[in-house]
Amino acid sequence: MAKESVKARQRKRERMVAQFAEKRAALKAAGEWSALDQLPKNSSSVRLKNRCQLSGRPKGYMRYFGISRVTFRDMALAGKIPGVKKASW
Protein backbone atom coordinates (compact mmCIF):
# COMPACT_ATOMS: atom_id res chain seq x y z
CA MET A 1 0.00 0.00 0.00
CA ALA A 2 1.31 3.43 -0.94
CA LYS A 3 1.97 6.06 1.68
CA GLU A 4 -0.82 8.54 2.30
CA SER A 5 1.46 11.41 1.30
CA VAL A 6 2.01 9.87 -2.15
CA LYS A 7 -1.72 9.40 -2.67
CA ALA A 8 -2.39 12.96 -1.49
CA ARG A 9 0.22 14.32 -3.89
CA GLN A 10 -1.45 12.48 -6.76
CA ARG A 11 -4.87 13.89 -5.83
CA LYS A 12 -3.37 17.38 -5.69
CA ARG A 13 -1.91 16.96 -9.18
CA GLU A 14 -5.28 15.76 -10.51
CA ARG A 15 -6.98 18.87 -9.11
CA MET A 16 -4.33 21.18 -10.59
CA VAL A 17 -4.54 19.55 -14.03
CA ALA A 18 -8.31 20.06 -14.05
CA GLN A 19 -7.99 23.64 -12.80
CA PHE A 20 -5.46 24.78 -15.41
CA ALA A 21 -6.61 22.64 -18.38
CA GLU A 22 -8.36 25.43 -20.29
CA LYS A 23 -5.62 27.96 -19.64
CA ARG A 24 -2.90 25.53 -20.74
CA ALA A 25 -4.81 24.67 -23.93
CA ALA A 26 -5.27 28.35 -24.79
CA LEU A 27 -1.60 29.15 -24.21
CA LYS A 28 -0.49 26.16 -26.29
CA ALA A 29 -2.78 27.15 -29.15
CA ALA A 30 -1.44 30.72 -29.06
CA GLY A 31 2.16 29.48 -28.87
CA GLU A 32 2.97 31.50 -25.76
CA TRP A 33 5.64 29.21 -24.36
CA SER A 34 7.05 31.71 -21.87
CA ALA A 35 3.61 32.18 -20.28
CA LEU A 36 3.19 28.40 -20.22
CA ASP A 37 6.43 28.12 -18.24
CA GLN A 38 4.99 30.41 -15.56
CA LEU A 39 2.21 27.94 -14.71
CA PRO A 40 2.78 25.38 -11.93
CA LYS A 41 4.63 22.24 -13.01
CA ASN A 42 1.98 20.00 -11.46
CA SER A 43 -0.67 21.50 -13.75
CA SER A 44 0.78 19.52 -16.66
CA SER A 45 -1.09 16.31 -17.46
CA VAL A 46 2.12 14.37 -18.16
CA ARG A 47 2.97 14.49 -14.46
CA LEU A 48 -0.02 12.30 -13.60
CA LYS A 49 0.62 8.63 -12.89
CA ASN A 50 -2.00 5.92 -13.12
CA ARG A 51 -2.49 4.69 -9.56
CA CYS A 52 -4.92 2.32 -7.90
CA GLN A 53 -7.81 4.30 -6.42
CA LEU A 54 -7.90 2.12 -3.31
CA SER A 55 -4.32 1.18 -2.50
CA GLY A 56 -2.31 3.76 -4.45
CA ARG A 57 -0.20 1.06 -6.11
CA PRO A 58 1.45 2.45 -9.28
CA LYS A 59 2.26 -0.85 -10.99
CA GLY A 60 -0.18 -3.40 -12.37
CA TYR A 61 -2.84 -0.73 -12.98
CA MET A 62 -5.98 -1.87 -14.83
CA ARG A 63 -7.30 1.18 -16.64
CA TYR A 64 -10.82 -0.18 -17.24
CA PHE A 65 -11.44 -0.67 -13.52
CA GLY A 66 -9.13 2.04 -12.13
CA ILE A 67 -7.52 -0.35 -9.64
CA SER A 68 -4.40 -2.50 -9.46
CA ARG A 69 -4.31 -6.17 -10.36
CA VAL A 70 -3.87 -7.17 -6.72
CA THR A 71 -6.90 -5.20 -5.56
CA PHE A 72 -8.86 -6.41 -8.58
CA ARG A 73 -8.16 -10.05 -7.72
CA ASP A 74 -9.17 -9.60 -4.08
CA MET A 75 -12.39 -7.84 -5.01
CA ALA A 76 -13.24 -10.30 -7.81
CA LEU A 77 -12.78 -13.33 -5.56
CA ALA A 78 -14.93 -11.66 -2.90
CA GLY A 79 -17.65 -11.05 -5.52
CA LYS A 80 -17.50 -7.27 -5.23
CA ILE A 81 -17.10 -6.63 -8.99
CA PRO A 82 -20.30 -7.39 -10.94
CA GLY A 83 -19.95 -9.72 -13.92
CA VAL A 84 -16.44 -10.94 -13.02
CA LYS A 85 -15.85 -14.52 -11.97
CA LYS A 86 -12.89 -16.83 -11.79
CA ALA A 87 -12.33 -18.87 -14.93
CA SER A 88 -12.45 -22.66 -14.69
CA TRP A 89 -12.48 -25.30 -17.40
C-alpha atoms as a PDB file:
ATOM      1  CA  MET A   1       0.000   0.000   0.000  1.00  0.00           C
ATOM      2  CA  ALA A   2       1.308   3.433  -0.937  1.00  0.00           C
ATOM      3  CA  LYS A   3       1.972   6.061   1.676  1.00  0.00           C
ATOM      4  CA  GLU A   4      -0.818   8.539   2.301  1.00  0.00           C
ATOM      5  CA  SER A   5       1.463  11.410   1.297  1.00  0.00           C
ATOM      6  CA  VAL A   6       2.014   9.865  -2.148  1.00  0.00           C
ATOM      7  CA  LYS A   7      -1.719   9.399  -2.667  1.00  0.00           C
ATOM      8  CA  ALA A   8      -2.393  12.963  -1.490  1.00  0.00           C
ATOM      9  CA  ARG A   9       0.218  14.323  -3.888  1.00  0.00           C
ATOM     10  CA  GLN A  10      -1.448  12.476  -6.757  1.00  0.00           C
ATOM     11  CA  ARG A  11      -4.871  13.887  -5.828  1.00  0.00           C
ATOM     12  CA  LYS A  12      -3.367  17.384  -5.692  1.00  0.00           C
ATOM     13  CA  ARG A  13      -1.907  16.956  -9.181  1.00  0.00           C
ATOM     14  CA  GLU A  14      -5.277  15.758 -10.512  1.00  0.00           C
ATOM     15  CA  ARG A  15      -6.980  18.867  -9.113  1.00  0.00           C
ATOM     16  CA  MET A  16      -4.328  21.179 -10.593  1.00  0.00           C
ATOM     17  CA  VAL A  17      -4.536  19.549 -14.029  1.00  0.00           C
ATOM     18  CA  ALA A  18      -8.309  20.055 -14.047  1.00  0.00           C
ATOM     19  CA  GLN A  19      -7.987  23.638 -12.797  1.00  0.00           C
ATOM     20  CA  PHE A  20      -5.460  24.781 -15.413  1.00  0.00           C
ATOM     21  CA  ALA A  21      -6.608  22.637 -18.379  1.00  0.00           C
ATOM     22  CA  GLU A  22      -8.364  25.434 -20.289  1.00  0.00           C
ATOM     23  CA  LYS A  23      -5.619  27.960 -19.639  1.00  0.00           C
ATOM     24  CA  ARG A  24      -2.895  25.529 -20.744  1.00  0.00           C
ATOM     25  CA  ALA A  25      -4.810  24.670 -23.930  1.00  0.00           C
ATOM     26  CA  ALA A  26      -5.270  28.353 -24.786  1.00  0.00           C
ATOM     27  CA  LEU A  27      -1.597  29.154 -24.215  1.00  0.00           C
ATOM     28  CA  LYS A  28      -0.487  26.159 -26.295  1.00  0.00           C
ATOM     29  CA  ALA A  29      -2.784  27.152 -29.151  1.00  0.00           C
ATOM     30  CA  ALA A  30      -1.440  30.722 -29.062  1.00  0.00           C
ATOM     31  CA  GLY A  31       2.155  29.478 -28.873  1.00  0.00           C
ATOM     32  CA  GLU A  32       2.968  31.499 -25.763  1.00  0.00           C
ATOM     33  CA  TRP A  33       5.638  29.205 -24.356  1.00  0.00           C
ATOM     34  CA  SER A  34       7.047  31.705 -21.870  1.00  0.00           C
ATOM     35  CA  ALA A  35       3.610  32.179 -20.285  1.00  0.00           C
ATOM     36  CA  LEU A  36       3.193  28.402 -20.216  1.00  0.00           C
ATOM     37  CA  ASP A  37       6.429  28.115 -18.243  1.00  0.00           C
ATOM     38  CA  GLN A  38       4.987  30.413 -15.560  1.00  0.00           C
ATOM     39  CA  LEU A  39       2.213  27.941 -14.714  1.00  0.00           C
ATOM     40  CA  PRO A  40       2.784  25.380 -11.928  1.00  0.00           C
ATOM     41  CA  LYS A  41       4.627  22.241 -13.006  1.00  0.00           C
ATOM     42  CA  ASN A  42       1.975  20.004 -11.456  1.00  0.00           C
ATOM     43  CA  SER A  43      -0.665  21.501 -13.750  1.00  0.00           C
ATOM     44  CA  SER A  44       0.778  19.524 -16.663  1.00  0.00           C
ATOM     45  CA  SER A  45      -1.086  16.315 -17.463  1.00  0.00           C
ATOM     46  CA  VAL A  46       2.123  14.370 -18.165  1.00  0.00           C
ATOM     47  CA  ARG A  47       2.974  14.491 -14.459  1.00  0.00           C
ATOM     48  CA  LEU A  48      -0.019  12.301 -13.604  1.00  0.00           C
ATOM     49  CA  LYS A  49       0.616   8.635 -12.885  1.00  0.00           C
ATOM     50  CA  ASN A  50      -2.000   5.918 -13.117  1.00  0.00           C
ATOM     51  CA  ARG A  51      -2.492   4.690  -9.561  1.00  0.00           C
ATOM     52  CA  CYS A  52      -4.924   2.318  -7.900  1.00  0.00           C
ATOM     53  CA  GLN A  53      -7.813   4.304  -6.420  1.00  0.00           C
ATOM     54  CA  LEU A  54      -7.905   2.123  -3.309  1.00  0.00           C
ATOM     55  CA  SER A  55      -4.321   1.181  -2.497  1.00  0.00           C
ATOM     56  CA  GLY A  56      -2.309   3.763  -4.452  1.00  0.00           C
ATOM     57  CA  ARG A  57      -0.204   1.057  -6.109  1.00  0.00           C
ATOM     58  CA  PRO A  58       1.453   2.450  -9.281  1.00  0.00           C
ATOM     59  CA  LYS A  59       2.261  -0.854 -10.990  1.00  0.00           C
ATOM     60  CA  GLY A  60      -0.182  -3.395 -12.373  1.00  0.00           C
ATOM     61  CA  TYR A  61      -2.845  -0.732 -12.979  1.00  0.00           C
ATOM     62  CA  MET A  62      -5.984  -1.875 -14.828  1.00  0.00           C
ATOM     63  CA  ARG A  63      -7.302   1.181 -16.642  1.00  0.00           C
ATOM     64  CA  TYR A  64     -10.820  -0.183 -17.240  1.00  0.00           C
ATOM     65  CA  PHE A  65     -11.442  -0.670 -13.520  1.00  0.00           C
ATOM     66  CA  GLY A  66      -9.131   2.035 -12.132  1.00  0.00           C
ATOM     67  CA  ILE A  67      -7.524  -0.350  -9.642  1.00  0.00           C
ATOM     68  CA  SER A  68      -4.399  -2.501  -9.463  1.00  0.00           C
ATOM     69  CA  ARG A  69      -4.314  -6.173 -10.361  1.00  0.00           C
ATOM     70  CA  VAL A  70      -3.865  -7.172  -6.719  1.00  0.00           C
ATOM     71  CA  THR A  71      -6.896  -5.200  -5.558  1.00  0.00           C
ATOM     72  CA  PHE A  72      -8.864  -6.412  -8.576  1.00  0.00           C
ATOM     73  CA  ARG A  73      -8.158 -10.046  -7.716  1.00  0.00           C
ATOM     74  CA  ASP A  74      -9.165  -9.602  -4.081  1.00  0.00           C
ATOM     75  CA  MET A  75     -12.391  -7.840  -5.014  1.00  0.00           C
ATOM     76  CA  ALA A  76     -13.237 -10.303  -7.814  1.00  0.00           C
ATOM     77  CA  LEU A  77     -12.780 -13.329  -5.558  1.00  0.00           C
ATOM     78  CA  ALA A  78     -14.935 -11.660  -2.899  1.00  0.00           C
ATOM     79  CA  GLY A  79     -17.650 -11.054  -5.525  1.00  0.00           C
ATOM     80  CA  LYS A  80     -17.503  -7.265  -5.234  1.00  0.00           C
ATOM     81  CA  ILE A  81     -17.104  -6.628  -8.992  1.00  0.00           C
ATOM     82  CA  PRO A  82     -20.302  -7.391 -10.943  1.00  0.00           C
ATOM     83  CA  GLY A  83     -19.948  -9.721 -13.916  1.00  0.00           C
ATOM     84  CA  VAL A  84     -16.441 -10.939 -13.022  1.00  0.00           C
ATOM     85  CA  LYS A  85     -15.850 -14.519 -11.974  1.00  0.00           C
ATOM     86  CA  LYS A  86     -12.890 -16.832 -11.789  1.00  0.00           C
ATOM     87  CA  ALA A  87     -12.326 -18.871 -14.927  1.00  0.00           C
ATOM     88  CA  SER A  88     -12.450 -22.657 -14.688  1.00  0.00           C
ATOM     89  CA  TRP A  89     -12.476 -25.302 -17.405  1.00  0.00           C
END
